[in-house]
Amino acid sequence: DGAQLAEHVHLHHEWRPTAAEALAAMLVMHAYDTGGRMMARNEWFGRAFTYGAVGRNALRVRNFALGRSLADTLRLNIVPVARSRTGQFNFTWTDGRVDRRVFTGPAAARARTVSGPADLHSWLGRSVLMHPVRRADGEIVVDRVLVGGGELMEPLPPDLLQDCVLVKGRPQQARADQALWRSSSALYAGVGPAPEDAKGADLFSRLEALGRRVDIWSVALLTSQSSFVGWVSDTFPFVGVLRQELYLAAADGAAWCEKAERAAAGAAAVARDVGYPRARPEERKRILARLLAAPLLWARFEEPFQRLLEEVASGQDAKAARARFAVQVAQTTRTSLQESLRCLPPSGSGPEARLRALARLEMALTNPRMFPSEFLEATMPPAAGSPTAASSPARALAGWLASLVESRNHDLLKGLTVPGHHFEAEARSQARQFAPAQKHEGGYLLTAKLFARYHRGIPTLDRVRIFGSGDLGAACRRIGSSRSQGARDPGVQRLFRLLVASSPLHKVEPTYLFQAIDRLRATRAVPPHWATLADDLAAWGTGDVVRDRWGASFYTPGVQARRQTAAATR
């Protein structure tokens, strides 16, 4: 019955199995074999493929119900079958049945219907011819094996696909580059919108009627070039009465993670294009992979996803659990991208690339065309936590500075701007008194100096110009002529890069701040909101939050406007 040699290693192997061992090995090969070159067609798996390489279980995910004990596990997984429906052991290659497959003529592609479990588990996925030989002690062993093409099987009914789950109508298969949890919603199929994924009578329908929680262990083999290279596994909760909630949580959770990964990929592409505009085509893909770190991002999504399923399976509020998961996905995406962007150079176009990428990510995470309203509502920042809300001490400082202009107090204003002025000590002391802590005194004093530098000579009493508007990034965007302002002006763009390129571990460089204020005054542009600037300069050494907010206002001001509008309407 051997049609073609497939596994030459079997011809000269040192191991000589007994007849019983050879039979067991043959049955395993029928179900899990990955070698062979025989081509066939099967509507279950779509296009033509090497049927011997797929077998019955080689690539699909197997699922096992884990009981409270070994006996409970066996009872959950062994299918009760009536004696009349067990079928017969497969003797099609020796009993001369008319439905036996041949390898010539029209009957070469003929498939056979499985009669029952006994027939299924002895199904000849391959044609295996074993040569017997008698050892010196008289025991019969197998010394040579011929492996050829096997039978074709008609699509199996649900009662013979007990543990199999369907993804878009086909058996779920494992991939080395994709974790099992990303398609875990298939476990809860039968309640979803895809009718082709519902099989009816199977392991999961029996577990649904059980009335208690059962964990499902999913395991699959990984192959490469007809060889096993490893295996993957994961465990998922299954509760019959919560099957609908679990399905929605698994399906929506995986979809949100996928959208967040696409948002991070778009932001990383912006960083690549800005930071490396002259990269060669073969380098662009490698740079994007370094800036995105997608495998690490997906690995970080797994723990929140598993926690979401656990919370839903334990009977907690599903809506609250989904909201917490959405927040975790957004935070994880931001954190992962920030870490990946650290490889950008600290000078040149590196800071701009980083700020533009983070602004692009915020734009994507708040895009209603990309994320559903449930995700956006959960991740919307509250109004009380708005990053543009100045603190009370900073507003008090701004009020005192405004009073100097309105009362035309030239002495204190000159004391803040002219070194060695006889009112310098008094002016500096009063500005420091508004700081809530000693570590904030430097930022508050620098803000007072910038205010006095802008309003020297008191050219205007306009309250908008006295109190300012927006953060420093928004103010720098107003520098320049009507044709070329902000980021479109090379000089302004270079000045802003120097502003945000300062190390977050040190104070911002005052020289560049003075240059920005001088250019604002020269073009009669509205200065930054002084109270906000005082808070920003006081918090400069605590991280990149201030620089990121300035960059979002300078490069993509729409992000700040949308976030403020969302916070105000919450």
Protein backbone atom coordinates (compact mmCIF):
# COMPACT_ATOMS: atom_id res chain seq x y z
CA ASP A 1 0.00 0.00 0.00
CA GLY A 2 3.02 2.33 0.10
CA ALA A 3 2.67 5.00 -2.55
CA GLN A 4 5.75 7.08 -1.89
CA LEU A 5 8.54 7.19 0.68
CA ALA A 6 8.17 10.11 3.06
CA GLU A 7 10.19 9.54 6.25
CA HIS A 8 13.55 8.00 5.28
CA VAL A 9 14.70 8.08 8.90
CA HIS A 10 12.34 5.21 9.68
CA LEU A 11 14.04 2.89 7.21
CA HIS A 12 17.27 2.54 9.16
CA HIS A 13 16.39 3.45 12.73
CA GLU A 14 18.10 1.47 15.47
CA TRP A 15 14.92 1.10 17.47
CA ARG A 16 12.97 -2.08 16.63
CA PRO A 17 9.44 -1.71 18.01
CA THR A 18 7.28 -4.63 18.93
CA ALA A 19 3.99 -5.19 17.13
CA ALA A 20 2.03 -3.45 19.91
CA GLU A 21 4.45 -0.50 19.98
CA ALA A 22 4.33 -0.22 16.20
CA LEU A 23 0.52 -0.16 16.24
CA ALA A 24 0.49 2.65 18.82
CA ALA A 25 3.10 4.60 16.85
CA MET A 26 1.09 4.17 13.68
CA LEU A 27 -2.08 5.54 15.30
CA VAL A 28 -0.14 8.54 16.61
CA MET A 29 1.26 9.14 13.13
CA HIS A 30 -2.23 9.10 11.63
CA ALA A 31 -3.32 11.85 14.01
CA TYR A 32 -0.18 13.99 14.43
CA ASP A 33 2.20 13.24 11.55
CA THR A 34 3.87 16.28 9.94
CA GLY A 35 5.93 14.68 7.16
CA GLY A 36 5.05 13.90 3.58
CA ARG A 37 4.64 15.31 0.09
CA MET A 38 1.25 13.94 -0.98
CA MET A 39 -1.06 16.72 -2.14
CA ALA A 40 -4.81 16.57 -1.65
CA ARG A 41 -7.80 18.83 -1.24
CA ASN A 42 -10.13 19.12 1.72
CA GLU A 43 -12.85 21.75 2.08
CA TRP A 44 -12.29 22.03 5.81
CA PHE A 45 -8.80 23.43 5.38
CA GLY A 46 -9.44 25.25 2.12
CA ARG A 47 -6.79 25.17 -0.60
CA ALA A 48 -4.59 22.21 -1.56
CA PHE A 49 -2.07 21.27 1.10
CA THR A 50 0.14 18.38 2.22
CA TYR A 51 -2.50 16.30 3.88
CA GLY A 52 -0.03 14.03 5.65
CA ALA A 53 1.55 17.09 7.29
CA VAL A 54 -1.76 18.18 8.80
CA GLY A 55 -3.17 14.83 9.80
CA ARG A 56 -6.11 15.19 12.15
CA ASN A 57 -4.60 17.06 15.10
CA ALA A 58 -1.09 18.11 14.10
CA LEU A 59 -1.70 21.85 13.79
CA ARG A 60 -5.04 22.52 15.42
CA VAL A 61 -5.45 23.59 19.02
CA ARG A 62 -6.57 20.87 21.44
CA ASN A 63 -8.72 21.82 24.43
CA PHE A 64 -9.10 19.86 27.66
CA ALA A 65 -11.44 20.52 30.56
CA LEU A 66 -9.54 20.52 33.86
CA GLY A 67 -11.59 18.98 36.63
CA ARG A 68 -11.12 19.04 40.38
CA SER A 69 -9.43 15.63 40.30
CA LEU A 70 -8.17 13.11 37.79
CA ALA A 71 -11.50 11.27 37.86
CA ASP A 72 -13.40 14.53 37.36
CA THR A 73 -11.11 15.46 34.46
CA LEU A 74 -11.74 12.09 32.78
CA ARG A 75 -15.49 12.38 33.23
CA LEU A 76 -15.49 15.87 31.69
CA ASN A 77 -13.48 14.96 28.60
CA ILE A 78 -14.59 11.40 27.75
CA VAL A 79 -17.58 11.63 25.45
CA PRO A 80 -20.56 9.42 26.28
CA VAL A 81 -21.36 7.48 23.10
CA ALA A 82 -24.08 4.92 22.60
CA ARG A 83 -22.84 1.45 21.58
CA SER A 84 -24.73 1.66 18.32
CA ARG A 85 -22.85 4.85 17.34
CA THR A 86 -19.29 3.83 18.13
CA GLY A 87 -18.56 2.81 14.56
CA GLN A 88 -16.12 0.11 13.53
CA PHE A 89 -12.36 -0.13 13.64
CA ASN A 90 -10.84 0.97 10.34
CA PHE A 91 -9.92 -2.03 8.16
CA THR A 92 -10.39 -0.26 4.83
CA TRP A 93 -6.87 -1.14 3.67
CA THR A 94 -7.29 -4.87 4.16
CA ASP A 95 -11.01 -5.75 4.00
CA GLY A 96 -11.50 -4.82 0.36
CA ARG A 97 -14.27 -2.25 0.96
CA VAL A 98 -15.57 -0.48 -2.10
CA ASP A 99 -15.02 2.99 -0.59
CA ARG A 100 -11.30 2.39 -0.22
CA ARG A 101 -9.23 5.17 -1.73
CA VAL A 102 -7.08 4.52 -4.79
CA PHE A 103 -4.35 6.68 -6.23
CA THR A 104 -5.23 6.59 -9.91
CA GLY A 105 -8.23 7.80 -11.82
CA PRO A 106 -11.19 9.84 -10.59
CA ALA A 107 -11.39 7.89 -7.30
CA ALA A 108 -8.00 9.23 -6.21
CA ALA A 109 -9.67 12.27 -4.59
CA ARG A 110 -12.58 10.34 -3.07
CA ALA A 111 -13.18 11.06 0.61
CA ARG A 112 -14.73 8.67 3.13
CA THR A 113 -17.31 9.35 5.82
CA VAL A 114 -16.27 8.37 9.34
CA SER A 115 -18.70 5.94 10.95
CA GLY A 116 -17.95 6.84 14.60
CA PRO A 117 -15.27 7.33 17.28
CA ALA A 118 -13.72 3.89 16.76
CA ASP A 119 -13.36 4.57 13.06
CA LEU A 120 -12.07 8.09 13.71
CA HIS A 121 -9.29 7.06 16.10
CA SER A 122 -8.07 4.34 13.72
CA TRP A 123 -8.45 6.51 10.64
CA LEU A 124 -5.54 6.01 8.24
CA GLY A 125 -4.28 9.54 7.74
CA ARG A 126 -1.26 7.91 6.11
CA SER A 127 -0.60 4.60 4.41
CA VAL A 128 1.91 2.84 6.67
CA LEU A 129 3.43 -0.50 5.60
CA MET A 130 5.50 -2.26 8.28
CA HIS A 131 7.90 -5.12 7.59
CA PRO A 132 8.01 -7.80 10.34
CA VAL A 133 11.09 -9.71 11.43
CA ARG A 134 11.63 -12.27 14.17
CA ARG A 135 14.28 -11.58 16.79
CA ALA A 136 16.54 -14.24 18.26
CA ASP A 137 14.20 -14.68 21.24
CA GLY A 138 11.28 -15.32 18.90
CA GLU A 139 9.47 -11.99 19.37
CA ILE A 140 8.18 -10.31 16.23
CA VAL A 141 9.35 -6.71 15.73
CA VAL A 142 9.23 -4.14 12.93
CA ASP A 143 12.48 -3.26 11.18
CA ARG A 144 11.31 -1.26 8.15
CA VAL A 145 8.47 1.18 7.47
CA LEU A 146 7.03 2.55 4.25
CA VAL A 147 4.93 5.73 4.61
CA GLY A 148 2.66 6.86 1.80
CA GLY A 149 -0.54 8.73 1.09
CA GLY A 150 -3.58 7.99 3.22
CA GLU A 151 -7.31 8.42 3.23
CA LEU A 152 -9.30 11.59 2.74
CA MET A 153 -11.94 12.40 5.32
CA GLU A 154 -15.29 14.06 4.89
CA PRO A 155 -15.98 17.01 7.24
CA LEU A 156 -16.65 15.66 10.72
CA PRO A 157 -19.91 16.23 12.59
CA PRO A 158 -19.81 18.22 15.89
CA ASP A 159 -20.05 15.12 18.09
CA LEU A 160 -16.69 13.95 16.64
CA LEU A 161 -15.10 17.38 17.10
CA GLN A 162 -15.71 17.66 20.80
CA ASP A 163 -12.80 19.90 21.83
CA CYS A 164 -12.23 21.69 18.52
CA VAL A 165 -13.06 25.39 18.35
CA LEU A 166 -13.70 27.20 15.09
CA VAL A 167 -12.28 30.52 13.99
CA LYS A 168 -14.15 31.88 10.96
CA GLY A 169 -15.50 28.40 10.30
CA ARG A 170 -12.13 26.59 10.41
CA PRO A 171 -10.34 24.77 13.24
CA GLN A 172 -8.28 27.08 15.42
CA GLN A 173 -4.59 26.70 14.64
CA ALA A 174 -1.52 27.79 16.60
CA ARG A 175 1.04 30.26 15.33
CA ALA A 176 4.50 30.90 16.67
CA ASP A 177 4.05 34.68 16.32
CA GLN A 178 0.62 34.92 17.95
CA ALA A 179 -0.38 33.90 21.47
CA LEU A 180 -3.41 31.68 22.02
CA TRP A 181 -5.26 34.28 24.09
CA ARG A 182 -5.70 36.52 21.05
CA SER A 183 -8.24 34.04 19.63
CA SER A 184 -9.61 32.78 22.95
CA SER A 185 -13.08 34.09 22.09
CA ALA A 186 -13.44 30.95 19.96
CA LEU A 187 -13.79 28.97 23.22
CA TYR A 188 -17.05 30.73 23.90
CA ALA A 189 -18.38 30.44 20.33
CA GLY A 190 -22.02 29.58 19.89
CA VAL A 191 -23.15 32.85 21.38
CA GLY A 192 -21.22 35.17 19.12
CA PRO A 193 -22.27 36.84 15.87
CA ALA A 194 -20.54 34.26 13.65
CA PRO A 195 -22.92 31.30 13.14
CA GLU A 196 -20.25 29.24 11.41
CA ASP A 197 -18.31 29.09 14.70
CA ALA A 198 -21.15 27.34 16.55
CA LYS A 199 -20.94 23.54 16.40
CA GLY A 200 -23.82 22.54 18.65
CA ALA A 201 -23.27 19.33 20.63
CA ASP A 202 -19.66 19.31 21.80
CA LEU A 203 -17.47 19.58 24.90
CA PHE A 204 -18.39 23.20 25.50
CA SER A 205 -22.13 22.64 25.26
CA ARG A 206 -21.78 19.91 27.91
CA LEU A 207 -19.72 22.23 30.12
CA GLU A 208 -22.32 24.97 29.68
CA ALA A 209 -24.98 22.73 31.19
CA LEU A 210 -22.70 21.71 34.06
CA GLY A 211 -23.54 24.72 36.22
CA ARG A 212 -20.04 25.42 37.59
CA ARG A 213 -16.74 26.89 36.50
CA VAL A 214 -14.27 24.70 34.61
CA ASP A 215 -10.86 25.80 33.38
CA ILE A 216 -9.98 24.98 29.76
CA TRP A 217 -6.39 24.02 28.97
CA SER A 218 -5.56 24.86 25.35
CA VAL A 219 -2.41 23.31 23.89
CA ALA A 220 -1.00 23.15 20.38
CA LEU A 221 2.11 21.97 18.58
CA LEU A 222 4.32 24.25 16.51
CA THR A 223 5.97 22.97 13.36
CA SER A 224 8.53 24.22 10.88
CA GLN A 225 9.48 22.45 7.66
CA SER A 226 7.60 19.27 8.65
CA SER A 227 9.33 19.11 12.04
CA PHE A 228 8.07 19.85 15.52
CA VAL A 229 9.79 22.92 17.00
CA GLY A 230 7.80 23.45 20.19
CA TRP A 231 4.38 23.86 21.69
CA VAL A 232 2.21 26.57 23.23
CA SER A 233 -0.44 26.37 25.91
CA ASP A 234 -2.71 28.58 27.98
CA THR A 235 -5.60 28.23 30.44
CA PHE A 236 -8.94 30.05 30.20
CA PRO A 237 -11.98 30.10 32.51
CA PHE A 238 -15.30 28.71 31.30
CA VAL A 239 -18.58 29.39 33.10
CA GLY A 240 -21.74 28.30 31.32
CA VAL A 241 -24.06 31.00 32.67
CA LEU A 242 -21.48 33.69 31.80
CA ARG A 243 -20.62 32.39 28.36
CA GLN A 244 -22.04 35.47 26.62
CA GLU A 245 -20.13 37.89 28.89
CA LEU A 246 -16.91 35.92 28.51
CA TYR A 247 -17.25 35.86 24.74
CA LEU A 248 -17.77 39.62 24.54
CA ALA A 249 -14.90 40.30 26.95
CA ALA A 250 -12.50 38.03 25.02
CA ALA A 251 -13.52 39.30 21.58
CA ASP A 252 -13.59 43.00 22.47
CA GLY A 253 -10.45 42.77 24.60
CA ALA A 254 -8.41 41.24 21.80
CA ALA A 255 -9.83 43.79 19.33
CA TRP A 256 -8.89 46.71 21.61
CA CYS A 257 -5.35 45.36 21.97
CA GLU A 258 -5.05 45.04 18.20
CA LYS A 259 -6.25 48.62 17.68
CA ALA A 260 -3.85 49.89 20.34
CA GLU A 261 -0.98 48.06 18.64
CA ARG A 262 -1.93 49.71 15.33
CA ALA A 263 -2.00 53.10 17.06
CA ALA A 264 1.49 52.49 18.46
CA ALA A 265 2.68 51.36 15.03
CA GLY A 266 1.42 54.58 13.45
CA ALA A 267 3.16 56.65 16.12
CA ALA A 268 6.40 54.70 15.66
CA ALA A 269 6.20 55.32 11.91
CA VAL A 270 5.94 59.07 12.58
CA ALA A 271 9.02 58.90 14.82
CA ARG A 272 10.92 57.01 12.11
CA ASP A 273 10.01 59.47 9.37
CA VAL A 274 10.91 62.52 11.48
CA GLY A 275 13.98 61.10 13.17
CA TYR A 276 15.43 59.25 10.17
CA PRO A 277 14.10 61.02 7.05
CA ARG A 278 16.98 59.82 4.88
CA ALA A 279 16.90 56.16 5.87
CA ARG A 280 17.32 53.70 3.02
CA PRO A 281 14.32 51.51 2.12
CA GLU A 282 15.94 48.39 3.57
CA GLU A 283 16.57 50.22 6.86
CA ARG A 284 13.08 51.62 7.35
CA LYS A 285 11.58 48.30 8.38
CA ARG A 286 14.33 47.60 10.92
CA ILE A 287 14.03 51.09 12.39
CA LEU A 288 10.26 50.71 12.74
CA ALA A 289 10.66 47.36 14.51
CA ARG A 290 13.10 48.94 16.96
CA LEU A 291 10.85 51.92 17.67
CA LEU A 292 7.70 49.82 18.06
CA ALA A 293 8.83 46.66 19.91
CA ALA A 294 5.53 44.96 19.04
CA PRO A 295 6.35 41.55 20.63
CA LEU A 296 7.01 43.24 23.98
CA LEU A 297 3.78 45.24 23.67
CA TRP A 298 1.70 42.12 23.00
CA ALA A 299 3.38 40.33 25.91
CA ARG A 300 2.36 43.19 28.21
CA PHE A 301 -1.24 42.98 27.03
CA GLU A 302 -1.58 39.34 28.13
CA GLU A 303 -1.72 39.86 31.91
CA PRO A 304 -4.49 42.52 31.82
CA PHE A 305 -6.41 40.34 29.36
CA GLN A 306 -6.23 37.29 31.63
CA ARG A 307 -7.26 39.46 34.58
CA LEU A 308 -10.29 40.67 32.59
CA LEU A 309 -11.46 37.09 31.95
CA GLU A 310 -10.89 36.16 35.61
CA GLU A 311 -12.94 39.11 36.84
CA VAL A 312 -15.80 38.35 34.45
CA ALA A 313 -15.72 34.62 35.27
CA SER A 314 -15.80 35.35 39.02
CA GLY A 315 -19.08 37.24 38.64
CA GLN A 316 -17.77 40.79 39.06
CA ASP A 317 -19.33 43.74 37.26
CA ALA A 318 -18.41 43.10 33.62
CA LYS A 319 -18.75 46.77 32.63
CA ALA A 320 -16.36 47.92 35.36
CA ALA A 321 -13.89 45.14 34.51
CA ARG A 322 -13.94 46.14 30.84
CA ALA A 323 -13.36 49.79 31.77
CA ARG A 324 -10.36 48.88 33.91
CA PHE A 325 -8.98 46.78 31.08
CA ALA A 326 -9.35 49.68 28.62
CA VAL A 327 -7.40 51.98 30.95
CA GLN A 328 -4.66 49.36 31.33
CA VAL A 329 -4.41 48.90 27.56
CA ALA A 330 -4.03 52.64 26.98
CA GLN A 331 -1.47 53.03 29.78
CA THR A 332 0.51 49.99 28.62
CA THR A 333 0.61 51.30 25.06
CA ARG A 334 1.87 54.70 26.18
CA THR A 335 4.50 53.21 28.49
CA SER A 336 5.76 50.74 25.91
CA LEU A 337 6.07 53.39 23.19
CA GLN A 338 7.87 55.81 25.53
CA GLU A 339 10.38 53.11 26.39
CA SER A 340 10.90 52.19 22.74
CA LEU A 341 11.45 55.84 21.76
CA ARG A 342 14.37 56.14 24.16
CA CYS A 343 16.63 54.83 21.39
CA LEU A 344 16.13 58.11 19.50
CA PRO A 345 19.12 60.48 19.64
CA PRO A 346 18.86 63.14 22.39
CA SER A 347 19.79 65.93 19.99
CA GLY A 348 18.97 66.98 16.47
CA SER A 349 15.62 65.71 15.24
CA GLY A 350 15.34 63.10 18.02
CA PRO A 351 13.30 65.21 20.49
CA GLU A 352 10.94 66.37 17.75
CA ALA A 353 10.47 62.79 16.54
CA ARG A 354 9.66 61.65 20.07
CA LEU A 355 7.17 64.45 20.72
CA ARG A 356 5.45 64.04 17.37
CA ALA A 357 5.14 60.28 17.92
CA LEU A 358 3.61 60.68 21.39
CA ALA A 359 1.21 63.30 20.06
CA ARG A 360 0.23 60.97 17.21
CA LEU A 361 -0.40 58.17 19.72
CA GLU A 362 -2.68 60.40 21.82
CA MET A 363 -4.55 61.41 18.69
CA ALA A 364 -5.09 57.74 17.76
CA LEU A 365 -6.12 56.66 21.28
CA THR A 366 -8.81 59.35 21.32
CA ASN A 367 -10.04 58.77 17.77
CA PRO A 368 -13.73 57.71 17.75
CA ARG A 369 -13.27 56.19 14.29
CA MET A 370 -10.67 53.79 15.65
CA PHE A 371 -11.94 52.93 19.13
CA PRO A 372 -15.52 52.32 20.31
CA SER A 373 -17.24 54.77 22.64
CA GLU A 374 -16.88 52.34 25.58
CA PHE A 375 -13.08 52.43 25.28
CA LEU A 376 -12.95 56.22 24.83
CA GLU A 377 -15.25 56.83 27.79
CA ALA A 378 -13.15 54.61 30.07
CA THR A 379 -9.85 56.22 29.05
CA MET A 380 -11.08 59.83 29.04
CA PRO A 381 -9.18 61.91 31.63
CA PRO A 382 -11.37 63.47 34.35
CA ALA A 383 -11.80 67.23 34.40
CA ALA A 384 -10.22 67.57 37.84
CA GLY A 385 -7.01 66.02 36.59
CA SER A 386 -6.61 68.28 33.58
CA PRO A 387 -2.88 68.88 33.01
CA THR A 388 -3.50 72.55 32.08
CA ALA A 389 -5.14 73.47 35.40
CA ALA A 390 -2.69 75.67 37.32
CA SER A 391 -2.23 75.29 41.06
CA SER A 392 -3.36 77.89 43.57
CA PRO A 393 0.18 79.10 44.42
CA ALA A 394 0.95 79.53 40.72
CA ARG A 395 -2.27 81.52 40.18
CA ALA A 396 -1.36 83.69 43.16
CA LEU A 397 2.05 84.38 41.62
CA ALA A 398 0.41 85.31 38.32
CA GLY A 399 -2.01 87.63 40.13
CA TRP A 400 0.85 89.41 41.93
CA LEU A 401 2.77 89.84 38.67
CA ALA A 402 -0.33 91.20 36.96
CA SER A 403 -0.78 93.71 39.78
CA LEU A 404 2.74 95.01 39.13
CA VAL A 405 1.80 95.82 35.54
CA GLU A 406 -1.60 97.27 36.36
CA SER A 407 -0.14 99.47 39.15
CA ARG A 408 2.84 100.40 36.97
CA ASN A 409 5.33 99.24 39.59
CA HIS A 410 8.47 99.80 37.56
CA ASP A 411 10.78 99.30 40.54
CA LEU A 412 9.91 95.64 41.21
CA LEU A 413 9.68 94.82 37.50
CA LYS A 414 13.18 96.23 36.95
CA GLY A 415 14.36 94.40 40.05
CA LEU A 416 13.35 91.15 38.35
CA THR A 417 15.09 91.94 35.07
CA VAL A 418 18.07 94.21 35.81
CA PRO A 419 20.96 92.55 37.72
CA GLY A 420 22.25 94.67 40.60
CA HIS A 421 19.13 96.84 40.76
CA HIS A 422 18.48 98.23 44.24
CA PHE A 423 15.03 96.52 44.26
CA GLU A 424 16.41 93.15 43.06
CA ALA A 425 16.54 91.50 46.47
CA GLU A 426 12.98 92.57 47.36
CA ALA A 427 11.53 91.47 44.02
CA ARG A 428 13.25 88.09 44.08
CA SER A 429 12.22 87.49 47.69
CA GLN A 430 8.55 88.25 47.01
CA ALA A 431 8.51 85.97 43.94
CA ARG A 432 9.98 83.07 45.95
CA GLN A 433 7.39 83.45 48.70
CA PHE A 434 4.64 82.13 46.41
CA ALA A 435 6.38 78.77 45.93
CA PRO A 436 4.67 75.95 47.92
CA ALA A 437 8.04 74.31 48.65
CA GLN A 438 11.69 75.26 48.54
CA LYS A 439 12.33 73.02 45.53
CA HIS A 440 9.79 75.07 43.53
CA GLU A 441 11.36 78.46 44.25
CA GLY A 442 13.63 78.34 41.21
CA GLY A 443 10.74 77.74 38.80
CA TYR A 444 8.60 80.48 40.33
CA LEU A 445 11.46 83.02 40.28
CA LEU A 446 12.30 82.19 36.67
CA THR A 447 8.63 82.67 35.72
CA ALA A 448 8.65 86.10 37.38
CA LYS A 449 11.78 87.08 35.44
CA LEU A 450 10.23 85.98 32.15
CA PHE A 451 7.04 87.91 32.96
CA ALA A 452 8.99 91.09 33.74
CA ARG A 453 11.07 90.64 30.58
CA TYR A 454 7.93 90.44 28.45
CA HIS A 455 6.21 93.41 30.16
CA ARG A 456 9.22 95.70 30.55
CA GLY A 457 8.21 99.24 29.81
CA ILE A 458 4.55 98.12 30.29
CA PRO A 459 3.60 98.29 26.59
CA THR A 460 0.04 97.03 27.13
CA LEU A 461 -2.65 96.61 29.77
CA ASP A 462 -4.56 93.97 27.80
CA ARG A 463 -5.53 91.33 30.36
CA VAL A 464 -5.09 88.52 27.79
CA ARG A 465 -1.46 89.55 27.32
CA ILE A 466 -1.01 90.14 31.05
CA PHE A 467 -2.13 86.66 32.14
CA GLY A 468 -1.19 84.79 28.96
CA SER A 469 -2.76 81.80 27.23
CA GLY A 470 -1.76 78.16 26.79
CA ASP A 471 1.49 76.50 27.73
CA LEU A 472 4.90 77.38 26.33
CA GLY A 473 4.47 75.02 23.37
CA ALA A 474 1.28 76.84 22.31
CA ALA A 475 3.02 80.19 22.80
CA CYS A 476 5.98 79.18 20.63
CA ARG A 477 3.54 78.17 17.93
CA ARG A 478 2.42 81.82 17.80
CA ILE A 479 5.93 83.11 17.03
CA GLY A 480 6.61 84.14 13.46
CA SER A 481 4.91 85.86 10.56
CA SER A 482 1.46 85.07 9.21
CA ARG A 483 2.95 82.91 6.45
CA SER A 484 5.39 80.98 8.61
CA GLN A 485 4.58 80.46 12.26
CA GLY A 486 5.57 77.92 14.86
CA ALA A 487 6.72 74.59 13.49
CA ARG A 488 6.68 75.96 9.92
CA ASP A 489 9.40 78.49 10.80
CA PRO A 490 12.84 76.80 10.82
CA GLY A 491 14.17 79.27 13.39
CA VAL A 492 11.27 78.74 15.77
CA GLN A 493 11.47 75.01 15.31
CA ARG A 494 15.19 75.06 16.13
CA LEU A 495 14.57 77.20 19.23
CA PHE A 496 11.84 74.85 20.46
CA ARG A 497 14.10 71.84 19.98
CA LEU A 498 16.67 73.50 22.23
CA LEU A 499 13.97 74.16 24.83
CA VAL A 500 12.75 70.59 25.10
CA ALA A 501 16.16 68.97 24.57
CA SER A 502 17.25 69.94 28.10
CA SER A 503 17.76 66.99 30.40
CA PRO A 504 14.74 66.29 32.66
CA LEU A 505 17.18 65.73 35.52
CA HIS A 506 18.30 69.40 35.42
CA LYS A 507 16.61 72.76 35.21
CA VAL A 508 15.48 74.05 31.87
CA GLU A 509 18.06 76.30 30.21
CA PRO A 510 16.99 79.95 30.96
CA THR A 511 18.80 81.33 27.89
CA TYR A 512 16.37 79.62 25.49
CA LEU A 513 13.39 80.68 27.58
CA PHE A 514 14.52 84.30 27.42
CA GLN A 515 14.93 84.00 23.63
CA ALA A 516 11.41 82.60 23.29
CA ILE A 517 9.92 85.41 25.40
CA ASP A 518 11.88 88.05 23.48
CA ARG A 519 10.55 86.72 20.17
CA LEU A 520 7.00 86.66 21.53
CA ARG A 521 7.36 90.30 22.65
CA ALA A 522 8.95 91.36 19.36
CA THR A 523 6.08 89.90 17.30
CA ARG A 524 3.47 91.14 19.83
CA ALA A 525 2.26 87.55 20.27
CA VAL A 526 0.31 86.43 23.33
CA PRO A 527 2.70 85.01 25.95
CA PRO A 528 2.20 81.66 27.73
CA HIS A 529 -0.17 81.34 30.64
CA TRP A 530 2.14 82.44 33.44
CA ALA A 531 0.55 80.36 36.18
CA THR A 532 0.82 77.22 34.04
CA LEU A 533 4.41 78.10 33.14
CA ALA A 534 5.30 78.39 36.84
CA ASP A 535 3.92 74.90 37.51
CA ASP A 536 5.69 73.51 34.45
CA LEU A 537 9.08 74.94 35.39
CA ALA A 538 8.66 73.76 38.99
CA ALA A 539 7.88 70.21 37.78
CA TRP A 540 10.55 70.12 35.06
CA GLY A 541 12.85 67.71 36.87
CA THR A 542 10.17 65.09 37.66
CA GLY A 543 10.02 63.46 34.21
CA ASP A 544 9.02 64.06 30.61
CA VAL A 545 5.38 65.03 31.23
CA VAL A 546 5.95 68.76 30.77
CA ARG A 547 8.09 68.36 27.65
CA ASP A 548 5.55 65.97 26.12
CA ARG A 549 2.72 68.42 26.74
CA TRP A 550 4.69 71.30 25.25
CA GLY A 551 5.49 69.16 22.23
CA ALA A 552 1.85 68.20 21.74
CA SER A 553 0.85 71.88 21.83
CA PHE A 554 3.63 72.93 19.47
CA TYR A 555 3.48 70.18 16.86
CA THR A 556 -0.13 68.93 17.07
CA PRO A 557 -2.27 71.46 18.93
CA GLY A 558 -5.46 69.59 18.02
CA VAL A 559 -4.61 66.90 20.55
CA GLN A 560 -4.66 69.35 23.45
CA ALA A 561 -7.91 70.90 22.26
CA ARG A 562 -9.63 67.54 21.99
CA ARG A 563 -8.43 66.43 25.41
CA GLN A 564 -9.60 69.68 27.05
CA THR A 565 -12.97 69.43 25.32
CA ALA A 566 -13.39 65.81 26.37
CA ALA A 567 -12.48 66.65 29.96
CA ALA A 568 -14.90 69.55 30.05
CA THR A 569 -17.82 67.45 28.75
CA ARG A 570 -17.23 64.47 30.99
